[in-house]
Amino acid sequence: MKKLIAGAAAVVSSVILYGLTRVSAAIYALYLTQPNVGWNTDSGPFGTAMRAVGTVPLIIAVLLFVVGACLVVAGIREGK
C-alpha cells in the first residue's frame, strides 16, 4: 500500500511540474513577442521560451512519472 501511495504522489508531482514548466514558458513567450526583444525564427517564440526555461524540469518530470508508474504497478502487484 505504501508503494501505491508513493507512486501516486510521484505521478501527481510530475504532472504538476510538467504543467508549471509549460505555463512558465508560455508566459515568457509573451515577453518574447514584445518589440525589440525577438526570438529564434526556427522554433518560434514558444520554442525559444522552452529552451530558455530549460529541459531539466521536463527531464525530472518524465523521470518522476516513470518511477511513480513503476511504484504504482509494484503496489498493485503486492496487493494481490
C-alpha atoms as a PDB file:
ATOM      1  CA  MET A   1       0.000   0.000   0.000  1.00  0.00           C
ATOM      2  CA  LYS A   2       2.887   2.366   0.734  1.00  0.00           C
ATOM      3  CA  LYS A   3       4.309   1.852  -2.754  1.00  0.00           C
ATOM      4  CA  LEU A   4       0.947   2.652  -4.280  1.00  0.00           C
ATOM      5  CA  ILE A   5       0.645   5.921  -2.355  1.00  0.00           C
ATOM      6  CA  ALA A   6       4.253   6.916  -3.057  1.00  0.00           C
ATOM      7  CA  GLY A   7       3.809   6.130  -6.742  1.00  0.00           C
ATOM      8  CA  ALA A   8       0.607   8.130  -6.978  1.00  0.00           C
ATOM      9  CA  ALA A   9       2.309  11.082  -5.264  1.00  0.00           C
ATOM     10  CA  ALA A  10       5.219  10.872  -7.711  1.00  0.00           C
ATOM     11  CA  VAL A  11       2.875  10.797 -10.709  1.00  0.00           C
ATOM     12  CA  VAL A  12       0.894  13.789  -9.447  1.00  0.00           C
ATOM     13  CA  SER A  13       4.109  15.687  -8.691  1.00  0.00           C
ATOM     14  CA  SER A  14       5.449  15.011 -12.172  1.00  0.00           C
ATOM     15  CA  VAL A  15       2.245  16.231 -13.801  1.00  0.00           C
ATOM     16  CA  ILE A  16       2.319  19.434 -11.740  1.00  0.00           C
ATOM     17  CA  LEU A  17       6.000  20.047 -12.544  1.00  0.00           C
ATOM     18  CA  TYR A  18       5.437  19.433 -16.260  1.00  0.00           C
ATOM     19  CA  GLY A  19       2.424  21.727 -16.348  1.00  0.00           C
ATOM     20  CA  LEU A  20       4.129  24.538 -14.476  1.00  0.00           C
ATOM     21  CA  THR A  21       7.128  24.317 -16.790  1.00  0.00           C
ATOM     22  CA  ARG A  22       4.867  24.709 -19.806  1.00  0.00           C
ATOM     23  CA  VAL A  23       2.969  27.588 -18.180  1.00  0.00           C
ATOM     24  CA  SER A  24       6.177  29.454 -17.347  1.00  0.00           C
ATOM     25  CA  ALA A  25       7.385  29.006 -20.937  1.00  0.00           C
ATOM     26  CA  ALA A  26       4.067  30.344 -22.231  1.00  0.00           C
ATOM     27  CA  ILE A  27       4.324  33.414 -20.023  1.00  0.00           C
ATOM     28  CA  TYR A  28       7.914  34.018 -21.134  1.00  0.00           C
ATOM     29  CA  ALA A  29       6.864  33.564 -24.781  1.00  0.00           C
ATOM     30  CA  LEU A  30       4.525  36.530 -24.346  1.00  0.00           C
ATOM     31  CA  TYR A  31       7.524  38.602 -23.271  1.00  0.00           C
ATOM     32  CA  LEU A  32       9.477  37.477 -26.332  1.00  0.00           C
ATOM     33  CA  THR A  33       6.784  38.822 -28.657  1.00  0.00           C
ATOM     34  CA  GLN A  34       7.305  42.379 -27.407  1.00  0.00           C
ATOM     35  CA  PRO A  35       9.012  44.823 -29.792  1.00  0.00           C
ATOM     36  CA  ASN A  36      12.831  44.810 -29.775  1.00  0.00           C
ATOM     37  CA  VAL A  37      13.080  41.506 -27.887  1.00  0.00           C
ATOM     38  CA  GLY A  38      12.921  38.853 -30.597  1.00  0.00           C
ATOM     39  CA  TRP A  39      13.075  35.071 -30.729  1.00  0.00           C
ATOM     40  CA  ASN A  40      14.604  32.286 -32.788  1.00  0.00           C
ATOM     41  CA  THR A  41      12.790  32.100 -36.112  1.00  0.00           C
ATOM     42  CA  ASP A  42      13.277  28.333 -36.460  1.00  0.00           C
ATOM     43  CA  SER A  43      11.416  27.375 -33.291  1.00  0.00           C
ATOM     44  CA  GLY A  44       9.190  30.411 -32.802  1.00  0.00           C
ATOM     45  CA  PRO A  45       8.516  32.248 -29.561  1.00  0.00           C
ATOM     46  CA  PHE A  46       7.261  29.241 -27.585  1.00  0.00           C
ATOM     47  CA  GLY A  47      10.175  27.006 -28.629  1.00  0.00           C
ATOM     48  CA  THR A  48      12.631  29.749 -27.742  1.00  0.00           C
ATOM     49  CA  ALA A  49      10.941  30.159 -24.368  1.00  0.00           C
ATOM     50  CA  MET A  50      11.090  26.395 -23.740  1.00  0.00           C
ATOM     51  CA  ARG A  51      14.826  26.432 -24.403  1.00  0.00           C
ATOM     52  CA  ALA A  52      15.233  29.406 -22.054  1.00  0.00           C
ATOM     53  CA  VAL A  53      13.259  27.698 -19.286  1.00  0.00           C
ATOM     54  CA  GLY A  54      15.377  24.602 -19.790  1.00  0.00           C
ATOM     55  CA  THR A  55      14.937  20.919 -20.314  1.00  0.00           C
ATOM     56  CA  VAL A  56      15.952  19.920 -16.794  1.00  0.00           C
ATOM     57  CA  PRO A  57      12.451  20.331 -15.302  1.00  0.00           C
ATOM     58  CA  LEU A  58      10.979  18.318 -18.167  1.00  0.00           C
ATOM     59  CA  ILE A  59      13.510  15.520 -17.677  1.00  0.00           C
ATOM     60  CA  ILE A  60      12.822  15.465 -13.940  1.00  0.00           C
ATOM     61  CA  ALA A  61       9.062  15.330 -14.625  1.00  0.00           C
ATOM     62  CA  VAL A  62       9.450  12.392 -17.009  1.00  0.00           C
ATOM     63  CA  LEU A  63      11.695  10.510 -14.575  1.00  0.00           C
ATOM     64  CA  LEU A  64       9.281  11.125 -11.710  1.00  0.00           C
ATOM     65  CA  PHE A  65       6.414   9.855 -13.842  1.00  0.00           C
ATOM     66  CA  VAL A  66       8.258   6.677 -14.823  1.00  0.00           C
ATOM     67  CA  VAL A  67       9.326   5.941 -11.240  1.00  0.00           C
ATOM     68  CA  GLY A  68       5.822   6.710  -9.978  1.00  0.00           C
ATOM     69  CA  ALA A  69       4.227   4.438 -12.564  1.00  0.00           C
ATOM     70  CA  CYS A  70       6.615   1.620 -11.630  1.00  0.00           C
ATOM     71  CA  LEU A  71       5.768   2.087  -7.953  1.00  0.00           C
ATOM     72  CA  VAL A  72       2.052   2.045  -8.686  1.00  0.00           C
ATOM     73  CA  VAL A  73       2.404  -1.192 -10.659  1.00  0.00           C
ATOM     74  CA  ALA A  74       4.522  -2.729  -7.872  1.00  0.00           C
ATOM     75  CA  GLY A  75       1.985  -1.623  -5.275  1.00  0.00           C
ATOM     76  CA  ILE A  76      -0.879  -3.165  -7.223  1.00  0.00           C
ATOM     77  CA  ARG A  77       1.013  -6.443  -7.639  1.00  0.00           C
ATOM     78  CA  GLU A  78       1.768  -6.583  -3.892  1.00  0.00           C
ATOM     79  CA  GLY A  79      -1.896  -6.110  -3.090  1.00  0.00           C
ATOM     80  CA  LYS A  80      -2.913  -9.266  -4.955  1.00  0.00           C
END
